[in-house]
Every structure is written in C-alpha cells, then in structure tokens.
Amino acid sequence: MTVRAGVQEHSWIHVDYIATVRSLATRGRRILPYVVAILLVSAAVLFAVSCSGSTVAFSNDSTVQTLNIEVAATPEERAQGLMGYESLPADSGMLFDFQGDVSSAFWMKDTSIPLSIAFVDSSGKIISIHDLEPFDETPVKPQGEYRYAIEANRGWFSAHGIAPGFRVSIDI
C-alpha cells in the first residue's frame, strides 16, 4: 500500500510537470513572433548605425575631396591605429581625434601598409602632410601642435591635390 501511494504521488507530480511544460510551450509559441520581430528590428538598427560611416571633407577655394574614416578617439584606439591592417580600401583612412591640442609623434611600428598622414590644427587647417614607410620606427610630427591626424593610403593626399593650408570638415 505504501508503494501504491508513492506511485500515485509520483504520477501526480509527473502529470503536473507535463501540464506546466505544455503551458509554457503554448505561451512560447505565442511570444516567439514578437521576440523574433524585436531581434530583427534590433539587428537592422545596429546594421544601419554601423554603415553610417564617418567622413572627412578636404577643401580649398576650388576643390572638395572626401575620405571615409574610422575614428580612433580613445588612447587605446589611437595606440593601435592601423597596426595589423593588411590593406586599406581606396578613399578610406583613420582619423585620430586627440580632443585637444597635442604635439606627440607618430611612427609605423607594426604597420605593414604604406601611409600618408595629415596633421590638422584645432581650427581645421592642415598644417603638414608626411609620407610614411611600413615598419619605420622614426617619429614623425609637425612643427607645432595639432588636434587631429588623418592617415590614408600613401599618396592619397597628393593624388587628390590636397596640401597644407586645406580646410578639413569632419563628420563623425
């Protein structure tokens, strides 16, 4: 008789468990379309934000050229720069935003692609442009302080007629 009571009690627990699982499954089927919709909308928003790239426009009295940029704003991002990149798409580069005037130098340690760098003062004027060699550890900096540095494929600035004195408009 004790065994029978144990079996009966166990059977009731089993029946309650099955009923709970069925109830949750039914609720899950009703909620699932909403969860999927929320995930799809979130993915679309994240994709749109990631594709809304930043640009830099260079101009003088007669010329305007744009460059798609990746922004390096934190000390860690600025230290990493383009190290480890094997190539850089045409009309693309990296903007180093120091968020204030600095006089630090750049080098090409662990950077395998040839680059040109433009130094821009806080008023948005290019103060100097330098061509850089891969893996060269020679420090490069302009005369005086700058707020931004913009790296692009070597020769990009000269190929587009961009020189010191050009104005820079940054859209980040």
N, C-alpha and C. Protein backbone atom coordinates (compact mmCIF):
# COMPACT_ATOMS: atom_id res chain seq x y z
N MET A 1 0.82 -1.18 0.00
CA MET A 1 0.00 0.00 0.00
C MET A 1 0.87 1.26 0.00
N THR A 2 1.96 1.27 0.70
CA THR A 2 2.86 2.40 0.72
C THR A 2 3.44 2.61 -0.68
N VAL A 3 3.77 1.53 -1.32
CA VAL A 3 4.32 1.63 -2.66
C VAL A 3 3.29 2.24 -3.59
N ARG A 4 2.04 1.81 -3.46
CA ARG A 4 0.99 2.34 -4.32
C ARG A 4 0.81 3.84 -4.11
N ALA A 5 0.86 4.29 -2.86
CA ALA A 5 0.74 5.71 -2.58
C ALA A 5 1.90 6.47 -3.21
N GLY A 6 3.10 5.88 -3.13
CA GLY A 6 4.25 6.52 -3.75
C GLY A 6 4.08 6.62 -5.25
N VAL A 7 3.55 5.61 -5.86
CA VAL A 7 3.34 5.64 -7.31
C VAL A 7 2.30 6.68 -7.65
N GLN A 8 1.23 6.71 -6.88
CA GLN A 8 0.19 7.70 -7.16
C GLN A 8 0.74 9.12 -7.01
N GLU A 9 1.50 9.36 -5.95
CA GLU A 9 2.05 10.69 -5.74
C GLU A 9 3.00 11.05 -6.88
N HIS A 10 3.84 10.12 -7.26
CA HIS A 10 4.78 10.35 -8.36
C HIS A 10 4.02 10.62 -9.66
N SER A 11 2.95 9.91 -9.89
CA SER A 11 2.16 10.11 -11.11
C SER A 11 1.56 11.51 -11.15
N TRP A 12 1.09 12.00 -10.02
CA TRP A 12 0.52 13.34 -9.99
C TRP A 12 1.59 14.39 -10.28
N ILE A 13 2.77 14.20 -9.72
CA ILE A 13 3.86 15.13 -9.98
C ILE A 13 4.20 15.12 -11.46
N HIS A 14 4.25 13.94 -12.05
CA HIS A 14 4.56 13.81 -13.47
C HIS A 14 3.50 14.52 -14.32
N VAL A 15 2.24 14.32 -13.98
CA VAL A 15 1.15 14.97 -14.72
C VAL A 15 1.25 16.48 -14.59
N ASP A 16 1.52 17.00 -13.37
CA ASP A 16 1.66 18.44 -13.18
C ASP A 16 2.84 18.99 -13.98
N TYR A 17 3.93 18.26 -14.04
CA TYR A 17 5.11 18.69 -14.80
C TYR A 17 4.77 18.79 -16.28
N ILE A 18 4.10 17.79 -16.81
CA ILE A 18 3.72 17.80 -18.23
C ILE A 18 2.78 18.96 -18.51
N ALA A 19 1.84 19.22 -17.65
CA ALA A 19 0.90 20.33 -17.85
C ALA A 19 1.65 21.67 -17.84
N THR A 20 2.62 21.81 -16.95
CA THR A 20 3.40 23.05 -16.88
C THR A 20 4.22 23.25 -18.15
N VAL A 21 4.86 22.19 -18.62
CA VAL A 21 5.66 22.28 -19.84
C VAL A 21 4.78 22.62 -21.03
N ARG A 22 3.61 21.99 -21.13
CA ARG A 22 2.70 22.30 -22.24
C ARG A 22 2.24 23.76 -22.18
N SER A 23 1.96 24.24 -20.97
CA SER A 23 1.53 25.63 -20.81
C SER A 23 2.63 26.60 -21.24
N LEU A 24 3.87 26.31 -20.84
CA LEU A 24 4.99 27.17 -21.23
C LEU A 24 5.22 27.11 -22.73
N ALA A 25 5.11 25.95 -23.31
CA ALA A 25 5.30 25.81 -24.76
C ALA A 25 4.25 26.60 -25.52
N THR A 26 3.02 26.57 -25.04
CA THR A 26 1.95 27.33 -25.70
C THR A 26 2.23 28.82 -25.61
N ARG A 27 2.62 29.28 -24.42
CA ARG A 27 2.97 30.69 -24.26
C ARG A 27 4.16 31.06 -25.14
N GLY A 28 5.15 30.19 -25.19
CA GLY A 28 6.34 30.43 -26.01
C GLY A 28 5.99 30.58 -27.48
N ARG A 29 5.07 29.76 -27.97
CA ARG A 29 4.65 29.88 -29.37
C ARG A 29 3.92 31.19 -29.63
N ARG A 30 3.21 31.69 -28.65
CA ARG A 30 2.53 32.97 -28.83
C ARG A 30 3.51 34.13 -28.76
N ILE A 31 4.54 34.03 -27.95
CA ILE A 31 5.50 35.12 -27.75
C ILE A 31 6.60 35.11 -28.81
N LEU A 32 6.92 33.95 -29.34
CA LEU A 32 8.04 33.81 -30.27
C LEU A 32 8.01 34.80 -31.43
N PRO A 33 6.89 35.03 -32.11
CA PRO A 33 6.91 36.01 -33.21
C PRO A 33 7.32 37.41 -32.75
N TYR A 34 6.92 37.81 -31.56
CA TYR A 34 7.30 39.12 -31.04
C TYR A 34 8.80 39.19 -30.74
N VAL A 35 9.32 38.13 -30.16
CA VAL A 35 10.76 38.08 -29.87
C VAL A 35 11.56 38.15 -31.16
N VAL A 36 11.15 37.39 -32.17
CA VAL A 36 11.83 37.41 -33.46
C VAL A 36 11.75 38.80 -34.08
N ALA A 37 10.60 39.44 -34.02
CA ALA A 37 10.44 40.79 -34.59
C ALA A 37 11.36 41.78 -33.88
N ILE A 38 11.43 41.71 -32.57
CA ILE A 38 12.31 42.62 -31.82
C ILE A 38 13.76 42.39 -32.19
N LEU A 39 14.17 41.13 -32.31
CA LEU A 39 15.55 40.83 -32.70
C LEU A 39 15.86 41.33 -34.10
N LEU A 40 14.93 41.17 -35.03
CA LEU A 40 15.16 41.64 -36.40
C LEU A 40 15.27 43.16 -36.46
N VAL A 41 14.41 43.86 -35.76
CA VAL A 41 14.47 45.32 -35.74
C VAL A 41 15.79 45.78 -35.10
N SER A 42 16.19 45.14 -34.00
CA SER A 42 17.45 45.50 -33.35
C SER A 42 18.63 45.28 -34.29
N ALA A 43 18.64 44.16 -35.00
CA ALA A 43 19.72 43.88 -35.94
C ALA A 43 19.75 44.92 -37.06
N ALA A 44 18.59 45.31 -37.56
CA ALA A 44 18.53 46.32 -38.63
C ALA A 44 19.07 47.66 -38.15
N VAL A 45 18.70 48.05 -36.93
CA VAL A 45 19.18 49.32 -36.38
C VAL A 45 20.70 49.28 -36.20
N LEU A 46 21.22 48.19 -35.64
CA LEU A 46 22.67 48.08 -35.45
C LEU A 46 23.40 48.10 -36.79
N PHE A 47 22.84 47.44 -37.80
CA PHE A 47 23.47 47.44 -39.12
C PHE A 47 23.48 48.85 -39.70
N ALA A 48 22.37 49.56 -39.57
CA ALA A 48 22.28 50.93 -40.11
C ALA A 48 23.29 51.84 -39.42
N VAL A 49 23.42 51.71 -38.11
CA VAL A 49 24.37 52.54 -37.38
C VAL A 49 25.80 52.23 -37.80
N SER A 50 26.11 50.94 -37.96
CA SER A 50 27.48 50.59 -38.33
C SER A 50 27.81 51.00 -39.76
N CYS A 51 26.82 51.13 -40.63
CA CYS A 51 27.07 51.51 -42.02
C CYS A 51 27.05 53.01 -42.23
N SER A 52 26.72 53.76 -41.22
CA SER A 52 26.58 55.20 -41.41
C SER A 52 27.92 55.89 -41.31
N GLY A 53 28.95 55.32 -41.86
CA GLY A 53 30.34 55.74 -41.76
C GLY A 53 30.59 57.22 -41.56
N SER A 54 31.72 57.48 -40.99
CA SER A 54 32.18 58.85 -40.79
C SER A 54 32.99 59.29 -42.00
N THR A 55 32.97 60.58 -42.27
CA THR A 55 33.73 61.11 -43.40
C THR A 55 34.47 62.37 -43.00
N VAL A 56 35.50 62.65 -43.79
CA VAL A 56 36.26 63.88 -43.67
C VAL A 56 36.23 64.52 -45.05
N ALA A 57 35.96 65.81 -45.12
CA ALA A 57 35.98 66.53 -46.40
C ALA A 57 37.13 67.53 -46.36
N PHE A 58 37.93 67.52 -47.41
CA PHE A 58 39.07 68.44 -47.55
C PHE A 58 38.69 69.47 -48.59
N SER A 59 38.93 70.74 -48.31
CA SER A 59 38.54 71.76 -49.29
C SER A 59 39.50 72.94 -49.28
N ASN A 60 39.56 73.57 -50.46
CA ASN A 60 40.17 74.89 -50.58
C ASN A 60 39.20 75.69 -51.43
N ASP A 61 39.62 76.73 -52.06
CA ASP A 61 38.69 77.57 -52.82
C ASP A 61 38.03 76.83 -53.98
N SER A 62 38.71 75.84 -54.57
CA SER A 62 38.16 75.22 -55.78
C SER A 62 37.97 73.71 -55.70
N THR A 63 38.43 73.06 -54.65
CA THR A 63 38.42 71.60 -54.59
C THR A 63 37.77 71.11 -53.31
N VAL A 64 36.97 70.04 -53.43
CA VAL A 64 36.44 69.33 -52.26
C VAL A 64 36.65 67.84 -52.51
N GLN A 65 37.29 67.17 -51.58
CA GLN A 65 37.52 65.73 -51.64
C GLN A 65 37.06 65.12 -50.33
N THR A 66 36.47 63.91 -50.39
CA THR A 66 36.05 63.25 -49.16
C THR A 66 36.81 61.95 -48.96
N LEU A 67 36.94 61.57 -47.71
CA LEU A 67 37.63 60.35 -47.30
C LEU A 67 36.76 59.68 -46.25
N ASN A 68 36.46 58.39 -46.44
CA ASN A 68 35.73 57.62 -45.43
C ASN A 68 36.72 57.26 -44.33
N ILE A 69 36.31 57.45 -43.09
CA ILE A 69 37.26 57.25 -42.00
C ILE A 69 36.72 56.35 -40.91
N GLU A 70 37.66 55.72 -40.23
CA GLU A 70 37.41 55.04 -38.98
C GLU A 70 38.00 55.97 -37.92
N VAL A 71 37.29 56.17 -36.82
CA VAL A 71 37.73 57.13 -35.81
C VAL A 71 38.45 56.41 -34.67
N ALA A 72 39.61 56.91 -34.32
CA ALA A 72 40.37 56.44 -33.15
C ALA A 72 40.34 57.57 -32.13
N ALA A 73 39.44 57.46 -31.14
CA ALA A 73 39.24 58.56 -30.19
C ALA A 73 39.78 58.26 -28.80
N THR A 74 39.87 56.97 -28.44
CA THR A 74 40.37 56.64 -27.10
C THR A 74 41.89 56.43 -27.16
N PRO A 75 42.57 56.52 -26.03
CA PRO A 75 44.01 56.27 -26.04
C PRO A 75 44.37 54.88 -26.59
N GLU A 76 43.54 53.88 -26.28
CA GLU A 76 43.80 52.53 -26.77
C GLU A 76 43.66 52.46 -28.28
N GLU A 77 42.59 53.08 -28.82
CA GLU A 77 42.38 53.08 -30.27
C GLU A 77 43.49 53.85 -30.98
N ARG A 78 43.91 54.96 -30.40
CA ARG A 78 44.99 55.73 -31.03
C ARG A 78 46.31 54.97 -30.99
N ALA A 79 46.59 54.25 -29.91
CA ALA A 79 47.82 53.47 -29.82
C ALA A 79 47.82 52.33 -30.84
N GLN A 80 46.67 51.72 -31.06
CA GLN A 80 46.56 50.61 -32.02
C GLN A 80 46.62 51.12 -33.46
N GLY A 81 45.92 52.21 -33.73
CA GLY A 81 45.91 52.78 -35.08
C GLY A 81 45.63 51.75 -36.15
N LEU A 82 46.42 51.76 -37.21
CA LEU A 82 46.25 50.82 -38.32
C LEU A 82 47.20 49.63 -38.22
N MET A 83 47.78 49.41 -37.03
CA MET A 83 48.63 48.23 -36.84
C MET A 83 47.81 46.98 -37.09
N GLY A 84 48.38 46.05 -37.79
CA GLY A 84 47.69 44.79 -38.04
C GLY A 84 46.85 44.80 -39.30
N TYR A 85 46.57 45.95 -39.86
CA TYR A 85 45.82 46.01 -41.12
C TYR A 85 46.74 45.53 -42.25
N GLU A 86 46.20 44.72 -43.15
CA GLU A 86 46.98 44.28 -44.30
C GLU A 86 46.73 45.15 -45.51
N SER A 87 45.62 45.86 -45.50
CA SER A 87 45.32 46.78 -46.60
C SER A 87 44.32 47.81 -46.09
N LEU A 88 44.14 48.84 -46.87
CA LEU A 88 43.20 49.92 -46.55
C LEU A 88 42.43 50.21 -47.83
N PRO A 89 41.09 50.13 -47.80
CA PRO A 89 40.33 50.40 -49.03
C PRO A 89 40.64 51.79 -49.59
N ALA A 90 40.50 51.91 -50.90
CA ALA A 90 40.69 53.22 -51.55
C ALA A 90 39.73 54.22 -50.93
N ASP A 91 40.15 55.46 -50.83
CA ASP A 91 39.33 56.54 -50.27
C ASP A 91 38.88 56.26 -48.84
N SER A 92 39.71 55.55 -48.09
CA SER A 92 39.44 55.26 -46.68
C SER A 92 40.67 55.60 -45.85
N GLY A 93 40.45 55.84 -44.58
CA GLY A 93 41.56 56.16 -43.70
C GLY A 93 41.15 56.11 -42.24
N MET A 94 42.00 56.63 -41.39
CA MET A 94 41.73 56.68 -39.96
C MET A 94 41.96 58.09 -39.45
N LEU A 95 41.00 58.57 -38.67
CA LEU A 95 41.09 59.88 -38.02
C LEU A 95 41.46 59.66 -36.56
N PHE A 96 42.54 60.27 -36.13
CA PHE A 96 42.95 60.25 -34.73
C PHE A 96 42.48 61.56 -34.11
N ASP A 97 41.50 61.47 -33.21
CA ASP A 97 40.95 62.65 -32.55
C ASP A 97 41.54 62.73 -31.14
N PHE A 98 42.38 63.73 -30.92
CA PHE A 98 43.04 63.88 -29.62
C PHE A 98 42.22 64.73 -28.65
N GLN A 99 41.10 65.28 -29.10
CA GLN A 99 40.18 66.04 -28.27
C GLN A 99 40.85 67.21 -27.56
N GLY A 100 41.89 67.73 -28.17
CA GLY A 100 42.65 68.86 -27.65
C GLY A 100 43.98 68.92 -28.38
N ASP A 101 44.67 70.03 -28.26
CA ASP A 101 45.95 70.19 -28.96
C ASP A 101 47.04 69.33 -28.32
N VAL A 102 47.82 68.66 -29.18
CA VAL A 102 48.93 67.81 -28.74
C VAL A 102 50.14 68.06 -29.64
N SER A 103 51.27 67.53 -29.22
CA SER A 103 52.48 67.63 -30.05
C SER A 103 53.20 66.29 -30.13
N SER A 104 52.47 65.20 -29.89
CA SER A 104 53.08 63.87 -29.91
C SER A 104 53.43 63.44 -31.33
N ALA A 105 54.28 62.41 -31.43
CA ALA A 105 54.76 61.92 -32.72
C ALA A 105 54.08 60.60 -33.09
N PHE A 106 54.07 60.30 -34.38
CA PHE A 106 53.57 59.03 -34.91
C PHE A 106 54.76 58.22 -35.41
N TRP A 107 54.59 56.91 -35.45
CA TRP A 107 55.56 56.03 -36.08
C TRP A 107 54.81 54.89 -36.72
N MET A 108 55.51 54.05 -37.47
CA MET A 108 54.87 52.98 -38.24
C MET A 108 55.18 51.59 -37.69
N LYS A 109 55.54 51.51 -36.41
CA LYS A 109 55.84 50.21 -35.81
C LYS A 109 54.65 49.26 -36.01
N ASP A 110 54.93 48.06 -36.48
CA ASP A 110 53.94 47.01 -36.70
C ASP A 110 52.85 47.40 -37.69
N THR A 111 53.09 48.38 -38.53
CA THR A 111 52.14 48.79 -39.56
C THR A 111 52.73 48.42 -40.91
N SER A 112 52.04 47.51 -41.62
CA SER A 112 52.62 46.93 -42.84
C SER A 112 52.20 47.63 -44.13
N ILE A 113 51.31 48.61 -44.05
CA ILE A 113 50.88 49.28 -45.28
C ILE A 113 51.47 50.68 -45.35
N PRO A 114 51.91 51.11 -46.53
CA PRO A 114 52.44 52.46 -46.66
C PRO A 114 51.32 53.49 -46.51
N LEU A 115 51.58 54.51 -45.74
CA LEU A 115 50.55 55.52 -45.43
C LEU A 115 51.08 56.93 -45.65
N SER A 116 50.14 57.85 -45.77
CA SER A 116 50.42 59.28 -45.67
C SER A 116 49.62 59.79 -44.48
N ILE A 117 50.15 60.78 -43.80
CA ILE A 117 49.47 61.33 -42.63
C ILE A 117 49.38 62.85 -42.77
N ALA A 118 48.18 63.36 -42.49
CA ALA A 118 47.96 64.81 -42.49
C ALA A 118 47.69 65.23 -41.05
N PHE A 119 48.38 66.25 -40.60
CA PHE A 119 48.17 66.80 -39.27
C PHE A 119 47.29 68.04 -39.40
N VAL A 120 46.25 68.12 -38.58
CA VAL A 120 45.24 69.18 -38.68
C VAL A 120 45.16 69.91 -37.35
N ASP A 121 45.21 71.25 -37.40
CA ASP A 121 45.14 72.02 -36.16
C ASP A 121 43.69 72.16 -35.69
N SER A 122 43.50 72.77 -34.53
CA SER A 122 42.17 72.87 -33.94
C SER A 122 41.22 73.76 -34.73
N SER A 123 41.74 74.58 -35.64
CA SER A 123 40.86 75.41 -36.48
C SER A 123 40.41 74.65 -37.73
N GLY A 124 40.93 73.43 -37.93
CA GLY A 124 40.53 72.63 -39.09
C GLY A 124 41.42 72.81 -40.30
N LYS A 125 42.61 73.35 -40.13
CA LYS A 125 43.53 73.58 -41.25
C LYS A 125 44.64 72.54 -41.23
N ILE A 126 44.94 71.96 -42.39
CA ILE A 126 46.06 71.02 -42.50
C ILE A 126 47.35 71.80 -42.33
N ILE A 127 48.18 71.37 -41.37
CA ILE A 127 49.45 72.08 -41.14
C ILE A 127 50.63 71.35 -41.77
N SER A 128 50.52 70.03 -41.97
CA SER A 128 51.58 69.31 -42.69
C SER A 128 51.10 67.93 -43.11
N ILE A 129 51.75 67.40 -44.14
CA ILE A 129 51.46 66.06 -44.65
C ILE A 129 52.79 65.34 -44.82
N HIS A 130 52.85 64.09 -44.37
CA HIS A 130 54.08 63.29 -44.47
C HIS A 130 53.75 61.92 -45.06
N ASP A 131 54.66 61.39 -45.88
CA ASP A 131 54.55 60.02 -46.37
C ASP A 131 55.33 59.12 -45.42
N LEU A 132 54.75 57.96 -45.10
CA LEU A 132 55.34 57.06 -44.11
C LEU A 132 55.65 55.70 -44.73
N GLU A 133 56.74 55.10 -44.27
CA GLU A 133 57.17 53.78 -44.74
C GLU A 133 56.71 52.70 -43.77
N PRO A 134 56.28 51.54 -44.28
CA PRO A 134 55.89 50.44 -43.39
C PRO A 134 57.01 50.07 -42.41
N PHE A 135 56.64 49.80 -41.19
CA PHE A 135 57.51 49.33 -40.11
C PHE A 135 58.59 50.33 -39.68
N ASP A 136 58.57 51.54 -40.19
CA ASP A 136 59.58 52.55 -39.83
C ASP A 136 59.27 53.10 -38.44
N GLU A 137 60.23 53.03 -37.55
CA GLU A 137 60.03 53.50 -36.18
C GLU A 137 60.53 54.92 -35.96
N THR A 138 60.81 55.64 -37.04
CA THR A 138 61.23 57.03 -36.93
C THR A 138 60.03 57.90 -36.55
N PRO A 139 60.11 58.68 -35.48
CA PRO A 139 58.97 59.53 -35.09
C PRO A 139 58.72 60.62 -36.13
N VAL A 140 57.43 60.86 -36.41
CA VAL A 140 57.02 61.89 -37.36
C VAL A 140 56.00 62.78 -36.67
N LYS A 141 56.23 64.09 -36.72
CA LYS A 141 55.27 65.04 -36.16
C LYS A 141 55.45 66.38 -36.87
N PRO A 142 54.42 67.21 -36.82
CA PRO A 142 54.52 68.52 -37.46
C PRO A 142 55.24 69.52 -36.56
N GLN A 143 55.55 70.67 -37.14
CA GLN A 143 56.04 71.78 -36.32
C GLN A 143 54.81 72.34 -35.59
N GLY A 144 54.83 72.36 -34.31
CA GLY A 144 53.71 72.91 -33.55
C GLY A 144 52.68 71.86 -33.17
N GLU A 145 51.62 72.33 -32.54
CA GLU A 145 50.57 71.44 -32.03
C GLU A 145 49.51 71.17 -33.08
N TYR A 146 48.81 70.06 -32.90
CA TYR A 146 47.71 69.67 -33.79
C TYR A 146 46.61 69.03 -32.96
N ARG A 147 45.42 68.97 -33.51
CA ARG A 147 44.26 68.37 -32.84
C ARG A 147 43.91 67.01 -33.42
N TYR A 148 44.05 66.88 -34.74
CA TYR A 148 43.71 65.64 -35.45
C TYR A 148 44.89 65.18 -36.29
N ALA A 149 44.95 63.87 -36.52
CA ALA A 149 45.85 63.30 -37.52
C ALA A 149 44.98 62.38 -38.38
N ILE A 150 45.20 62.43 -39.68
CA ILE A 150 44.42 61.61 -40.60
C ILE A 150 45.38 60.77 -41.43
N GLU A 151 45.25 59.44 -41.31
CA GLU A 151 46.07 58.53 -42.11
C GLU A 151 45.25 57.99 -43.27
N ALA A 152 45.89 57.89 -44.43
CA ALA A 152 45.28 57.32 -45.64
C ALA A 152 46.38 56.56 -46.38
N ASN A 153 45.98 55.83 -47.42
CA ASN A 153 46.98 55.15 -48.24
C ASN A 153 48.02 56.16 -48.72
N ARG A 154 49.29 55.72 -48.76
CA ARG A 154 50.35 56.64 -49.15
C ARG A 154 50.07 57.22 -50.54
N GLY A 155 50.20 58.52 -50.63
CA GLY A 155 49.97 59.22 -51.88
C GLY A 155 48.54 59.70 -52.08
N TRP A 156 47.62 59.33 -51.18
CA TRP A 156 46.21 59.72 -51.37
C TRP A 156 46.06 61.24 -51.37
N PHE A 157 46.70 61.91 -50.44
CA PHE A 157 46.56 63.37 -50.35
C PHE A 157 47.10 64.05 -51.61
N SER A 158 48.30 63.67 -52.03
CA SER A 158 48.88 64.30 -53.23
C SER A 158 48.10 63.94 -54.48
N ALA A 159 47.60 62.71 -54.57
CA ALA A 159 46.82 62.30 -55.75
C ALA A 159 45.52 63.10 -55.88
N HIS A 160 45.02 63.60 -54.77
CA HIS A 160 43.78 64.39 -54.77
C HIS A 160 44.05 65.89 -54.66
N GLY A 161 45.30 66.27 -54.79
CA GLY A 161 45.64 67.70 -54.78
C GLY A 161 45.51 68.35 -53.42
N ILE A 162 45.52 67.55 -52.36
CA ILE A 162 45.36 68.10 -51.00
C ILE A 162 46.74 68.44 -50.44
N ALA A 163 46.86 69.64 -49.89
CA ALA A 163 48.14 70.14 -49.41
C ALA A 163 47.94 70.93 -48.12
N PRO A 164 49.02 71.23 -47.41
CA PRO A 164 48.89 72.09 -46.23
C PRO A 164 48.16 73.39 -46.59
N GLY A 165 47.32 73.83 -45.67
CA GLY A 165 46.50 75.01 -45.91
C GLY A 165 45.06 74.66 -46.23
N PHE A 166 44.80 73.42 -46.70
CA PHE A 166 43.43 73.00 -46.97
C PHE A 166 42.65 72.97 -45.66
N ARG A 167 41.35 73.18 -45.76
CA ARG A 167 40.45 73.12 -44.61
C ARG A 167 39.87 71.71 -44.53
N VAL A 168 39.60 71.26 -43.33
CA VAL A 168 39.07 69.93 -43.10
C VAL A 168 37.73 70.05 -42.37
N SER A 169 36.72 69.36 -42.89
CA SER A 169 35.42 69.29 -42.25
C SER A 169 35.21 67.84 -41.82
N ILE A 170 34.98 67.62 -40.54
CA ILE A 170 34.89 66.26 -40.01
C ILE A 170 33.45 65.95 -39.62
N ASP A 171 32.92 64.85 -40.16
CA ASP A 171 31.55 64.40 -39.87
C ASP A 171 31.63 63.03 -39.21
N ILE A 172 31.61 63.04 -37.86
CA ILE A 172 31.69 61.76 -37.14
C ILE A 172 30.47 61.54 -36.28
